[in-house]
Amino acid sequence: MAGDINWLETTVDPQWGAVAALQVGERAERARLRARAAQRAAADSLDKSADSHDRTAKSYEELAKRSELRDEYLKHAARHREFAQEDRQMAQQMRQMAESDSMGNSATPSGRP
C-alpha cells in the first residue's frame, strides 16, 4: 500500500493525497469500531446461550430426580453444562478480542497477530 501513497503524491496534489489518506484512516477506524461492537454483541449472545443451556441442564436434573431414566437425563444435563461452559469461554474470548483491539493491539486470543 505504501506504493499507492507514493503514486498519489507524485501524480496529484499532495494536499489531496493527505485528505485521501485521512479519509481512508477514518473509514478503517469506523470499521474497527463496528467490529468491536459486533464482538461485544456476539459475546452477549453467547452468554444468553450459556444461560439457556444452564436452564436446560437444570430441567434435565429435575427430571432425573423423578424418572426411571435418571442416568440418561443426567447425561443430557452434563452435556448442556459443557455447552454452557464452552459458550462462556467463547464469550470471554470475544470480549478480550474487543478489548485488545480497543487498546490498539490486534493480537488474537492466542497472543499472535
PDB file of N, CA and C in Angstrom:
ATOM      1  N   MET A   1       0.821  -1.187   0.000  1.00  0.00           N
ATOM      2  CA  MET A   1       0.000   0.000   0.000  1.00  0.00           C
ATOM      3  C   MET A   1       0.865   1.251   0.000  1.00  0.00           C
ATOM      4  N   ALA A   2       2.070   1.146   0.543  1.00  0.00           N
ATOM      5  CA  ALA A   2       2.957   2.306   0.544  1.00  0.00           C
ATOM      6  C   ALA A   2       3.199   2.787  -0.870  1.00  0.00           C
ATOM      7  N   GLY A   3       3.279   1.868  -1.806  1.00  0.00           N
ATOM      8  CA  GLY A   3       3.455   2.248  -3.203  1.00  0.00           C
ATOM      9  C   GLY A   3       2.286   3.068  -3.706  1.00  0.00           C
ATOM     10  N   ASP A   4       1.088   2.786  -3.225  1.00  0.00           N
ATOM     11  CA  ASP A   4      -0.096   3.542  -3.628  1.00  0.00           C
ATOM     12  C   ASP A   4       0.005   4.996  -3.157  1.00  0.00           C
ATOM     13  N   ILE A   5       0.467   5.199  -1.941  1.00  0.00           N
ATOM     14  CA  ILE A   5       0.585   6.564  -1.420  1.00  0.00           C
ATOM     15  C   ILE A   5       1.643   7.337  -2.198  1.00  0.00           C
ATOM     16  N   ASN A   6       2.772   6.693  -2.496  1.00  0.00           N
ATOM     17  CA  ASN A   6       3.802   7.359  -3.293  1.00  0.00           C
ATOM     18  C   ASN A   6       3.247   7.745  -4.661  1.00  0.00           C
ATOM     19  N   TRP A   7       2.467   6.868  -5.243  1.00  0.00           N
ATOM     20  CA  TRP A   7       1.853   7.178  -6.537  1.00  0.00           C
ATOM     21  C   TRP A   7       0.946   8.395  -6.397  1.00  0.00           C
ATOM     22  N   LEU A   8       0.177   8.446  -5.324  1.00  0.00           N
ATOM     23  CA  LEU A   8      -0.698   9.600  -5.111  1.00  0.00           C
ATOM     24  C   LEU A   8       0.110  10.888  -4.993  1.00  0.00           C
ATOM     25  N   GLU A   9       1.202  10.818  -4.264  1.00  0.00           N
ATOM     26  CA  GLU A   9       1.998  12.016  -4.036  1.00  0.00           C
ATOM     27  C   GLU A   9       2.651  12.536  -5.314  1.00  0.00           C
ATOM     28  N   THR A  10       2.941  11.658  -6.222  1.00  0.00           N
ATOM     29  CA  THR A  10       3.653  12.093  -7.423  1.00  0.00           C
ATOM     30  C   THR A  10       2.717  12.444  -8.570  1.00  0.00           C
ATOM     31  N   THR A  11       1.453  12.018  -8.502  1.00  0.00           N
ATOM     32  CA  THR A  11       0.562  12.247  -9.636  1.00  0.00           C
ATOM     33  C   THR A  11      -0.544  13.247  -9.363  1.00  0.00           C
ATOM     34  N   VAL A  12      -0.803  13.561  -8.112  1.00  0.00           N
ATOM     35  CA  VAL A  12      -1.862  14.526  -7.779  1.00  0.00           C
ATOM     36  C   VAL A  12      -1.346  15.499  -6.737  1.00  0.00           C
ATOM     37  N   ASP A  13      -2.146  16.485  -6.501  1.00  0.00           N
ATOM     38  CA  ASP A  13      -1.831  17.483  -5.486  1.00  0.00           C
ATOM     39  C   ASP A  13      -1.566  16.790  -4.144  1.00  0.00           C
ATOM     40  N   PRO A  14      -0.423  17.033  -3.511  1.00  0.00           N
ATOM     41  CA  PRO A  14      -0.093  16.374  -2.238  1.00  0.00           C
ATOM     42  C   PRO A  14      -1.149  16.605  -1.160  1.00  0.00           C
ATOM     43  N   GLN A  15      -1.781  17.765  -1.179  1.00  0.00           N
ATOM     44  CA  GLN A  15      -2.820  18.031  -0.180  1.00  0.00           C
ATOM     45  C   GLN A  15      -4.000  17.081  -0.383  1.00  0.00           C
ATOM     46  N   TRP A  16      -4.362  16.819  -1.630  1.00  0.00           N
ATOM     47  CA  TRP A  16      -5.452  15.877  -1.903  1.00  0.00           C
ATOM     48  C   TRP A  16      -5.060  14.489  -1.424  1.00  0.00           C
ATOM     49  N   GLY A  17      -3.823  14.106  -1.626  1.00  0.00           N
ATOM     50  CA  GLY A  17      -3.350  12.799  -1.163  1.00  0.00           C
ATOM     51  C   GLY A  17      -3.444  12.683   0.346  1.00  0.00           C
ATOM     52  N   ALA A  18      -3.135  13.765   1.055  1.00  0.00           N
ATOM     53  CA  ALA A  18      -3.227  13.757   2.516  1.00  0.00           C
ATOM     54  C   ALA A  18      -4.681  13.616   2.952  1.00  0.00           C
ATOM     55  N   VAL A  19      -5.578  14.303   2.270  1.00  0.00           N
ATOM     56  CA  VAL A  19      -7.008  14.210   2.591  1.00  0.00           C
ATOM     57  C   VAL A  19      -7.498  12.785   2.338  1.00  0.00           C
ATOM     58  N   ALA A  20      -7.096  12.212   1.211  1.00  0.00           N
ATOM     59  CA  ALA A  20      -7.499  10.848   0.886  1.00  0.00           C
ATOM     60  C   ALA A  20      -6.984   9.873   1.934  1.00  0.00           C
ATOM     61  N   ALA A  21      -5.748  10.041   2.360  1.00  0.00           N
ATOM     62  CA  ALA A  21      -5.178   9.160   3.378  1.00  0.00           C
ATOM     63  C   ALA A  21      -5.933   9.307   4.692  1.00  0.00           C
ATOM     64  N   LEU A  22      -6.294  10.527   5.052  1.00  0.00           N
ATOM     65  CA  LEU A  22      -7.065  10.769   6.267  1.00  0.00           C
ATOM     66  C   LEU A  22      -8.423  10.076   6.182  1.00  0.00           C
ATOM     67  N   GLN A  23      -9.078  10.183   5.034  1.00  0.00           N
ATOM     68  CA  GLN A  23     -10.380   9.547   4.857  1.00  0.00           C
ATOM     69  C   GLN A  23     -10.277   8.027   4.963  1.00  0.00           C
ATOM     70  N   VAL A  24      -9.229   7.463   4.401  1.00  0.00           N
ATOM     71  CA  VAL A  24      -9.017   6.018   4.494  1.00  0.00           C
ATOM     72  C   VAL A  24      -8.837   5.618   5.963  1.00  0.00           C
ATOM     73  N   GLY A  25      -8.064   6.395   6.683  1.00  0.00           N
ATOM     74  CA  GLY A  25      -7.852   6.113   8.105  1.00  0.00           C
ATOM     75  C   GLY A  25      -9.144   6.199   8.905  1.00  0.00           C
ATOM     76  N   GLU A  26      -9.974   7.193   8.586  1.00  0.00           N
ATOM     77  CA  GLU A  26     -11.251   7.340   9.280  1.00  0.00           C
ATOM     78  C   GLU A  26     -12.180   6.161   8.979  1.00  0.00           C
ATOM     79  N   ARG A  27     -12.198   5.717   7.731  1.00  0.00           N
ATOM     80  CA  ARG A  27     -13.021   4.554   7.380  1.00  0.00           C
ATOM     81  C   ARG A  27     -12.530   3.307   8.104  1.00  0.00           C
ATOM     82  N   ALA A  28     -11.235   3.153   8.189  1.00  0.00           N
ATOM     83  CA  ALA A  28     -10.668   1.999   8.897  1.00  0.00           C
ATOM     84  C   ALA A  28     -11.051   2.034  10.376  1.00  0.00           C
ATOM     85  N   GLU A  29     -11.006   3.204  10.973  1.00  0.00           N
ATOM     86  CA  GLU A  29     -11.373   3.332  12.387  1.00  0.00           C
ATOM     87  C   GLU A  29     -12.848   3.002  12.594  1.00  0.00           C
ATOM     88  N   ARG A  30     -13.712   3.470  11.704  1.00  0.00           N
ATOM     89  CA  ARG A  30     -15.138   3.137  11.813  1.00  0.00           C
ATOM     90  C   ARG A  30     -15.349   1.627  11.676  1.00  0.00           C
ATOM     91  N   ALA A  31     -14.602   0.997  10.792  1.00  0.00           N
ATOM     92  CA  ALA A  31     -14.705  -0.455  10.636  1.00  0.00           C
ATOM     93  C   ALA A  31     -14.262  -1.170  11.912  1.00  0.00           C
ATOM     94  N   ARG A  32     -13.182  -0.676  12.526  1.00  0.00           N
ATOM     95  CA  ARG A  32     -12.724  -1.278  13.784  1.00  0.00           C
ATOM     96  C   ARG A  32     -13.776  -1.121  14.874  1.00  0.00           C
ATOM     97  N   LEU A  33     -14.423   0.042  14.942  1.00  0.00           N
ATOM     98  CA  LEU A  33     -15.472   0.257  15.944  1.00  0.00           C
ATOM     99  C   LEU A  33     -16.652  -0.685  15.721  1.00  0.00           C
ATOM    100  N   ARG A  34     -17.018  -0.871  14.457  1.00  0.00           N
ATOM    101  CA  ARG A  34     -18.120  -1.799  14.153  1.00  0.00           C
ATOM    102  C   ARG A  34     -17.728  -3.224  14.520  1.00  0.00           C
ATOM    103  N   ALA A  35     -16.491  -3.590  14.265  1.00  0.00           N
ATOM    104  CA  ALA A  35     -16.027  -4.940  14.599  1.00  0.00           C
ATOM    105  C   ALA A  35     -16.054  -5.158  16.113  1.00  0.00           C
ATOM    106  N   ARG A  36     -15.613  -4.175  16.883  1.00  0.00           N
ATOM    107  CA  ARG A  36     -15.647  -4.294  18.346  1.00  0.00           C
ATOM    108  C   ARG A  36     -17.082  -4.423  18.839  1.00  0.00           C
ATOM    109  N   ALA A  37     -17.986  -3.636  18.266  1.00  0.00           N
ATOM    110  CA  ALA A  37     -19.397  -3.727  18.658  1.00  0.00           C
ATOM    111  C   ALA A  37     -19.954  -5.110  18.326  1.00  0.00           C
ATOM    112  N   ALA A  38     -19.576  -5.642  17.179  1.00  0.00           N
ATOM    113  CA  ALA A  38     -20.037  -6.979  16.793  1.00  0.00           C
ATOM    114  C   ALA A  38     -19.475  -8.041  17.742  1.00  0.00           C
ATOM    115  N   GLN A  39     -18.217  -7.881  18.147  1.00  0.00           N
ATOM    116  CA  GLN A  39     -17.615  -8.838  19.084  1.00  0.00           C
ATOM    117  C   GLN A  39     -18.346  -8.802  20.423  1.00  0.00           C
ATOM    118  N   ARG A  40     -18.670  -7.603  20.885  1.00  0.00           N
ATOM    119  CA  ARG A  40     -19.399  -7.488  22.154  1.00  0.00           C
ATOM    120  C   ARG A  40     -20.799  -8.079  22.040  1.00  0.00           C
ATOM    121  N   ALA A  41     -21.467  -7.831  20.918  1.00  0.00           N
ATOM    122  CA  ALA A  41     -22.806  -8.383  20.705  1.00  0.00           C
ATOM    123  C   ALA A  41     -22.748  -9.912  20.642  1.00  0.00           C
ATOM    124  N   ALA A  42     -21.729 -10.445  19.987  1.00  0.00           N
ATOM    125  CA  ALA A  42     -21.569 -11.900  19.926  1.00  0.00           C
ATOM    126  C   ALA A  42     -21.336 -12.463  21.325  1.00  0.00           C
ATOM    127  N   ALA A  43     -20.543 -11.779  22.124  1.00  0.00           N
ATOM    128  CA  ALA A  43     -20.290 -12.230  23.496  1.00  0.00           C
ATOM    129  C   ALA A  43     -21.582 -12.227  24.304  1.00  0.00           C
ATOM    130  N   ASP A  44     -22.388 -11.196  24.148  1.00  0.00           N
ATOM    131  CA  ASP A  44     -23.674 -11.144  24.854  1.00  0.00           C
ATOM    132  C   ASP A  44     -24.577 -12.303  24.427  1.00  0.00           C
ATOM    133  N   SER A  45     -24.594 -12.591  23.137  1.00  0.00           N
ATOM    134  CA  SER A  45     -25.405 -13.711  22.638  1.00  0.00           C
ATOM    135  C   SER A  45     -24.914 -15.039  23.192  1.00  0.00           C
ATOM    136  N   LEU A  46     -23.617 -15.199  23.266  1.00  0.00           N
ATOM    137  CA  LEU A  46     -23.059 -16.432  23.826  1.00  0.00           C
ATOM    138  C   LEU A  46     -23.398 -16.575  25.306  1.00  0.00           C
ATOM    139  N   ASP A  47     -23.410 -15.466  26.037  1.00  0.00           N
ATOM    140  CA  ASP A  47     -23.820 -15.513  27.446  1.00  0.00           C
ATOM    141  C   ASP A  47     -25.275 -15.954  27.573  1.00  0.00           C
ATOM    142  N   LYS A  48     -26.124 -15.439  26.700  1.00  0.00           N
ATOM    143  CA  LYS A  48     -27.533 -15.846  26.718  1.00  0.00           C
ATOM    144  C   LYS A  48     -27.671 -17.321  26.380  1.00  0.00           C
ATOM    145  N   SER A  49     -26.888 -17.784  25.430  1.00  0.00           N
ATOM    146  CA  SER A  49     -26.899 -19.205  25.076  1.00  0.00           C
ATOM    147  C   SER A  49     -26.463 -20.051  26.265  1.00  0.00           C
ATOM    148  N   ALA A  50     -25.429 -19.613  26.955  1.00  0.00           N
ATOM    149  CA  ALA A  50     -24.940 -20.345  28.125  1.00  0.00           C
ATOM    150  C   ALA A  50     -26.029 -20.418  29.198  1.00  0.00           C
ATOM    151  N   ASP A  51     -26.725 -19.310  29.415  1.00  0.00           N
ATOM    152  CA  ASP A  51     -27.817 -19.306  30.396  1.00  0.00           C
ATOM    153  C   ASP A  51     -28.913 -20.290  29.993  1.00  0.00           C
ATOM    154  N   SER A  52     -29.207 -20.326  28.704  1.00  0.00           N
ATOM    155  CA  SER A  52     -30.219 -21.257  28.210  1.00  0.00           C
ATOM    156  C   SER A  52     -29.784 -22.706  28.430  1.00  0.00           C
ATOM    157  N   HIS A  53     -28.515 -22.995  28.172  1.00  0.00           N
ATOM    158  CA  HIS A  53     -28.012 -24.350  28.409  1.00  0.00           C
ATOM    159  C   HIS A  53     -28.067 -24.701  29.890  1.00  0.00           C
ATOM    160  N   ASP A  54     -27.783 -23.732  30.752  1.00  0.00           N
ATOM    161  CA  ASP A  54     -27.871 -23.989  32.196  1.00  0.00           C
ATOM    162  C   ASP A  54     -29.312 -24.308  32.601  1.00  0.00           C
ATOM    163  N   ARG A  55     -30.260 -23.556  32.063  1.00  0.00           N
ATOM    164  CA  ARG A  55     -31.670 -23.820  32.372  1.00  0.00           C
ATOM    165  C   ARG A  55     -32.084 -25.210  31.864  1.00  0.00           C
ATOM    166  N   THR A  56     -31.615 -25.559  30.676  1.00  0.00           N
ATOM    167  CA  THR A  56     -31.923 -26.874  30.116  1.00  0.00           C
ATOM    168  C   THR A  56     -31.325 -27.968  30.994  1.00  0.00           C
ATOM    169  N   ALA A  57     -30.099 -27.783  31.428  1.00  0.00           N
ATOM    170  CA  ALA A  57     -29.444 -28.769  32.296  1.00  0.00           C
ATOM    171  C   ALA A  57     -30.224 -28.921  33.596  1.00  0.00           C
ATOM    172  N   LYS A  58     -30.648 -27.801  34.146  1.00  0.00           N
ATOM    173  CA  LYS A  58     -31.416 -27.858  35.396  1.00  0.00           C
ATOM    174  C   LYS A  58     -32.720 -28.625  35.194  1.00  0.00           C
ATOM    175  N   SER A  59     -33.359 -28.426  34.069  1.00  0.00           N
ATOM    176  CA  SER A  59     -34.591 -29.164  33.782  1.00  0.00           C
ATOM    177  C   SER A  59     -34.329 -30.658  33.711  1.00  0.00           C
ATOM    178  N   TYR A  60     -33.251 -31.046  33.034  1.00  0.00           N
ATOM    179  CA  TYR A  60     -32.906 -32.466  32.967  1.00  0.00           C
ATOM    180  C   TYR A  60     -32.593 -33.022  34.353  1.00  0.00           C
ATOM    181  N   GLU A  61     -31.927 -32.237  35.174  1.00  0.00           N
ATOM    182  CA  GLU A  61     -31.608 -32.692  36.529  1.00  0.00           C
ATOM    183  C   GLU A  61     -32.875 -32.890  37.353  1.00  0.00           C
ATOM    184  N   GLU A  62     -33.833 -31.991  37.178  1.00  0.00           N
ATOM    185  CA  GLU A  62     -35.113 -32.136  37.882  1.00  0.00           C
ATOM    186  C   GLU A  62     -35.852 -33.386  37.404  1.00  0.00           C
ATOM    187  N   LEU A  63     -35.838 -33.617  36.086  1.00  0.00           N
ATOM    188  CA  LEU A  63     -36.466 -34.825  35.551  1.00  0.00           C
ATOM    189  C   LEU A  63     -35.805 -36.081  36.096  1.00  0.00           C
ATOM    190  N   ALA A  64     -34.490 -36.031  36.223  1.00  0.00           N
ATOM    191  CA  ALA A  64     -33.743 -37.192  36.701  1.00  0.00           C
ATOM    192  C   ALA A  64     -34.146 -37.577  38.119  1.00  0.00           C
ATOM    193  N   LYS A  65     -34.570 -36.612  38.925  1.00  0.00           N
ATOM    194  CA  LYS A  65     -34.950 -36.880  40.311  1.00  0.00           C
ATOM    195  C   LYS A  65     -36.203 -37.750  40.403  1.00  0.00           C
ATOM    196  N   ARG A  66     -37.037 -37.699  39.373  1.00  0.00           N
ATOM    197  CA  ARG A  66     -38.312 -38.412  39.472  1.00  0.00           C
ATOM    198  C   ARG A  66     -38.581 -39.333  38.279  1.00  0.00           C
ATOM    199  N   SER A  67     -37.526 -39.817  37.669  1.00  0.00           N
ATOM    200  CA  SER A  67     -37.700 -40.662  36.500  1.00  0.00           C
ATOM    201  C   SER A  67     -36.863 -41.933  36.607  1.00  0.00           C
ATOM    202  N   GLU A  68     -37.350 -42.953  35.931  1.00  0.00           N
ATOM    203  CA  GLU A  68     -36.580 -44.189  35.840  1.00  0.00           C
ATOM    204  C   GLU A  68     -35.396 -44.027  34.887  1.00  0.00           C
ATOM    205  N   LEU A  69     -35.428 -42.979  34.069  1.00  0.00           N
ATOM    206  CA  LEU A  69     -34.349 -42.713  33.109  1.00  0.00           C
ATOM    207  C   LEU A  69     -33.315 -41.750  33.689  1.00  0.00           C
ATOM    208  N   ARG A  70     -33.118 -41.850  34.985  1.00  0.00           N
ATOM    209  CA  ARG A  70     -32.254 -40.928  35.723  1.00  0.00           C
ATOM    210  C   ARG A  70     -30.884 -40.756  35.058  1.00  0.00           C
ATOM    211  N   ASP A  71     -30.196 -41.839  34.782  1.00  0.00           N
ATOM    212  CA  ASP A  71     -28.848 -41.755  34.213  1.00  0.00           C
ATOM    213  C   ASP A  71     -28.851 -41.056  32.857  1.00  0.00           C
ATOM    214  N   GLU A  72     -29.831 -41.362  32.056  1.00  0.00           N
ATOM    215  CA  GLU A  72     -29.934 -40.736  30.730  1.00  0.00           C
ATOM    216  C   GLU A  72     -30.136 -39.224  30.857  1.00  0.00           C
ATOM    217  N   TYR A  73     -31.037 -38.828  31.742  1.00  0.00           N
ATOM    218  CA  TYR A  73     -31.286 -37.398  31.938  1.00  0.00           C
ATOM    219  C   TYR A  73     -30.054 -36.683  32.498  1.00  0.00           C
ATOM    220  N   LEU A  74     -29.348 -37.338  33.382  1.00  0.00           N
ATOM    221  CA  LEU A  74     -28.139 -36.732  33.939  1.00  0.00           C
ATOM    222  C   LEU A  74     -27.054 -36.587  32.879  1.00  0.00           C
ATOM    223  N   LYS A  75     -26.980 -37.500  31.942  1.00  0.00           N
ATOM    224  CA  LYS A  75     -26.031 -37.356  30.829  1.00  0.00           C
ATOM    225  C   LYS A  75     -26.382 -36.135  29.990  1.00  0.00           C
ATOM    226  N   HIS A  76     -27.680 -35.970  29.728  1.00  0.00           N
ATOM    227  CA  HIS A  76     -28.109 -34.788  28.961  1.00  0.00           C
ATOM    228  C   HIS A  76     -27.778 -33.503  29.726  1.00  0.00           C
ATOM    229  N   ALA A  77     -28.024 -33.518  31.023  1.00  0.00           N
ATOM    230  CA  ALA A  77     -27.737 -32.342  31.848  1.00  0.00           C
ATOM    231  C   ALA A  77     -26.249 -32.004  31.803  1.00  0.00           C
ATOM    232  N   ALA A  78     -25.419 -33.031  31.935  1.00  0.00           N
ATOM    233  CA  ALA A  78     -23.964 -32.805  31.920  1.00  0.00           C
ATOM    234  C   ALA A  78     -23.525 -32.223  30.586  1.00  0.00           C
ATOM    235  N   ARG A  79     -24.104 -32.711  29.515  1.00  0.00           N
ATOM    236  CA  ARG A  79     -23.720 -32.200  28.180  1.00  0.00           C
ATOM    237  C   ARG A  79     -24.113 -30.730  28.046  1.00  0.00           C
ATOM    238  N   HIS A  80     -25.285 -30.367  28.543  1.00  0.00           N
ATOM    239  CA  HIS A  80     -25.704 -28.959  28.468  1.00  0.00           C
ATOM    240  C   HIS A  80     -24.840 -28.070  29.369  1.00  0.00           C
ATOM    241  N   ARG A  81     -24.387 -28.597  30.475  1.00  0.00           N
ATOM    242  CA  ARG A  81     -23.452 -27.831  31.324  1.00  0.00           C
ATOM    243  C   ARG A  81     -22.144 -27.589  30.562  1.00  0.00           C
ATOM    244  N   GLU A  82     -21.701 -28.587  29.795  1.00  0.00           N
ATOM    245  CA  GLU A  82     -20.490 -28.418  28.978  1.00  0.00           C
ATOM    246  C   GLU A  82     -20.711 -27.348  27.907  1.00  0.00           C
ATOM    247  N   PHE A  83     -21.871 -27.386  27.263  1.00  0.00           N
ATOM    248  CA  PHE A  83     -22.177 -26.365  26.254  1.00  0.00           C
ATOM    249  C   PHE A  83     -22.156 -24.973  26.884  1.00  0.00           C
ATOM    250  N   ALA A  84     -22.734 -24.863  28.076  1.00  0.00           N
ATOM    251  CA  ALA A  84     -22.763 -23.569  28.764  1.00  0.00           C
ATOM    252  C   ALA A  84     -21.352 -23.082  29.052  1.00  0.00           C
ATOM    253  N   GLN A  85     -20.506 -23.973  29.520  1.00  0.00           N
ATOM    254  CA  GLN A  85     -19.124 -23.605  29.828  1.00  0.00           C
ATOM    255  C   GLN A  85     -18.391 -23.164  28.557  1.00  0.00           C
ATOM    256  N   GLU A  86     -18.576 -23.900  27.471  1.00  0.00           N
ATOM    257  CA  GLU A  86     -17.936 -23.536  26.205  1.00  0.00           C
ATOM    258  C   GLU A  86     -18.407 -22.163  25.732  1.00  0.00           C
ATOM    259  N   ASP A  87     -19.711 -21.923  25.834  1.00  0.00           N
ATOM    260  CA  ASP A  87     -20.248 -20.628  25.409  1.00  0.00           C
ATOM    261  C   ASP A  87     -19.661 -19.487  26.239  1.00  0.00           C
ATOM    262  N   ARG A  88     -19.539 -19.695  27.527  1.00  0.00           N
ATOM    263  CA  ARG A  88     -18.971 -18.637  28.385  1.00  0.00           C
ATOM    264  C   ARG A  88     -17.499 -18.391  28.067  1.00  0.00           C
ATOM    265  N   GLN A  89     -16.772 -19.453  27.764  1.00  0.00           N
ATOM    266  CA  GLN A  89     -15.366 -19.280  27.390  1.00  0.00           C
ATOM    267  C   GLN A  89     -15.250 -18.501  26.072  1.00  0.00           C
ATOM    268  N   MET A  90     -16.095 -18.836  25.112  1.00  0.00           N
ATOM    269  CA  MET A  90     -16.059 -18.109  23.841  1.00  0.00           C
ATOM    270  C   MET A  90     -16.458 -16.646  24.044  1.00  0.00           C
ATOM    271  N   ALA A  91     -17.441 -16.404  24.910  1.00  0.00           N
ATOM    272  CA  ALA A  91     -17.855 -15.026  25.194  1.00  0.00           C
ATOM    273  C   ALA A  91     -16.691 -14.240  25.793  1.00  0.00           C
ATOM    274  N   GLN A  92     -15.984 -14.864  26.712  1.00  0.00           N
ATOM    275  CA  GLN A  92     -14.827 -14.206  27.324  1.00  0.00           C
ATOM    276  C   GLN A  92     -13.765 -13.885  26.269  1.00  0.00           C
ATOM    277  N   GLN A  93     -13.523 -14.820  25.370  1.00  0.00           N
ATOM    278  CA  GLN A  93     -12.536 -14.588  24.310  1.00  0.00           C
ATOM    279  C   GLN A  93     -12.970 -13.440  23.412  1.00  0.00           C
ATOM    280  N   MET A  94     -14.252 -13.387  23.082  1.00  0.00           N
ATOM    281  CA  MET A  94     -14.749 -12.301  22.230  1.00  0.00           C
ATOM    282  C   MET A  94     -14.551 -10.949  22.922  1.00  0.00           C
ATOM    283  N   ARG A  95     -14.825 -10.896  24.205  1.00  0.00           N
ATOM    284  CA  ARG A  95     -14.640  -9.639  24.946  1.00  0.00           C
ATOM    285  C   ARG A  95     -13.163  -9.260  25.021  1.00  0.00           C
ATOM    286  N   GLN A  96     -12.307 -10.253  25.214  1.00  0.00           N
ATOM    287  CA  GLN A  96     -10.866  -9.967  25.252  1.00  0.00           C
ATOM    288  C   GLN A  96     -10.387  -9.455  23.902  1.00  0.00           C
ATOM    289  N   MET A  97     -10.893 -10.034  22.824  1.00  0.00           N
ATOM    290  CA  MET A  97     -10.512  -9.564  21.494  1.00  0.00           C
ATOM    291  C   MET A  97     -10.970  -8.130  21.284  1.00  0.00           C
ATOM    292  N   ALA A  98     -12.196  -7.830  21.690  1.00  0.00           N
ATOM    293  CA  ALA A  98     -12.716  -6.469  21.537  1.00  0.00           C
ATOM    294  C   ALA A  98     -11.893  -5.492  22.368  1.00  0.00           C
ATOM    295  N   GLU A  99     -11.537  -5.900  23.574  1.00  0.00           N
ATOM    296  CA  GLU A  99     -10.756  -5.028  24.459  1.00  0.00           C
ATOM    297  C   GLU A  99      -9.345  -4.830  23.929  1.00  0.00           C
ATOM    298  N   SER A 100      -8.710  -5.907  23.474  1.00  0.00           N
ATOM    299  CA  SER A 100      -7.338  -5.758  22.987  1.00  0.00           C
ATOM    300  C   SER A 100      -7.312  -4.890  21.739  1.00  0.00           C
ATOM    301  N   ASP A 101      -8.335  -4.986  20.909  1.00  0.00           N
ATOM    302  CA  ASP A 101      -8.414  -4.150  19.712  1.00  0.00           C
ATOM    303  C   ASP A 101      -8.641  -2.690  20.095  1.00  0.00           C
ATOM    304  N   SER A 102      -9.429  -2.453  21.141  1.00  0.00           N
ATOM    305  CA  SER A 102      -9.691  -1.068  21.528  1.00  0.00           C
ATOM    306  C   SER A 102      -8.451  -0.407  22.113  1.00  0.00           C
ATOM    307  N   MET A 103      -7.484  -1.211  22.530  1.00  0.00           N
ATOM    308  CA  MET A 103      -6.239  -0.660  23.062  1.00  0.00           C
ATOM    309  C   MET A 103      -5.166  -0.613  21.976  1.00  0.00           C
ATOM    310  N   GLY A 104      -5.583  -0.852  20.733  1.00  0.00           N
ATOM    311  CA  GLY A 104      -4.627  -0.761  19.634  1.00  0.00           C
ATOM    312  C   GLY A 104      -3.815  -2.006  19.426  1.00  0.00           C
ATOM    313  N   ASN A 105      -4.199  -3.094  20.061  1.00  0.00           N
ATOM    314  CA  ASN A 105      -3.475  -4.351  19.936  1.00  0.00           C
ATOM    315  C   ASN A 105      -4.310  -5.292  19.084  1.00  0.00           C
ATOM    316  N   SER A 106      -3.777  -5.720  17.961  1.00  0.00           N
ATOM    317  CA  SER A 106      -4.541  -6.587  17.067  1.00  0.00           C
ATOM    318  C   SER A 106      -4.242  -8.050  17.313  1.00  0.00           C
ATOM    319  N   ALA A 107      -3.731  -8.382  18.492  1.00  0.00           N
ATOM    320  CA  ALA A 107      -3.400  -9.775  18.791  1.00  0.00           C
ATOM    321  C   ALA A 107      -4.658 -10.606  18.940  1.00  0.00           C
ATOM    322  N   THR A 108      -4.555 -11.856  18.592  1.00  0.00           N
ATOM    323  CA  THR A 108      -5.637 -12.798  18.766  1.00  0.00           C
ATOM    324  C   THR A 108      -5.588 -13.333  20.176  1.00  0.00           C
ATOM    325  N   PRO A 109      -6.626 -14.092  20.631  1.00  0.00           N
ATOM    326  CA  PRO A 109      -6.593 -14.624  21.997  1.00  0.00           C
ATOM    327  C   PRO A 109      -5.364 -15.483  22.247  1.00  0.00           C
ATOM    328  N   SER A 110      -4.778 -16.073  21.222  1.00  0.00           N
ATOM    329  CA  SER A 110      -3.582 -16.888  21.416  1.00  0.00           C
ATOM    330  C   SER A 110      -2.338 -16.036  21.629  1.00  0.00           C
ATOM    331  N   GLY A 111      -2.482 -14.718  21.419  1.00  0.00           N
ATOM    332  CA  GLY A 111      -1.353 -13.815  21.605  1.00  0.00           C
ATOM    333  C   GLY A 111      -0.602 -13.523  20.316  1.00  0.00           C
ATOM    334  N   ARG A 112      -0.992 -14.192  19.226  1.00  0.00           N
ATOM    335  CA  ARG A 112      -0.322 -13.962  17.944  1.00  0.00           C
ATOM    336  C   ARG A 112      -1.107 -12.930  17.141  1.00  0.00           C
ATOM    337  N   PRO A 113      -0.419 -12.124  16.335  1.00  0.00           N
ATOM    338  CA  PRO A 113      -1.110 -11.132  15.499  1.00  0.00           C
ATOM    339  C   PRO A 113      -1.950 -11.791  14.429  1.00  0.00           C
TER     340      PRO A 113
END
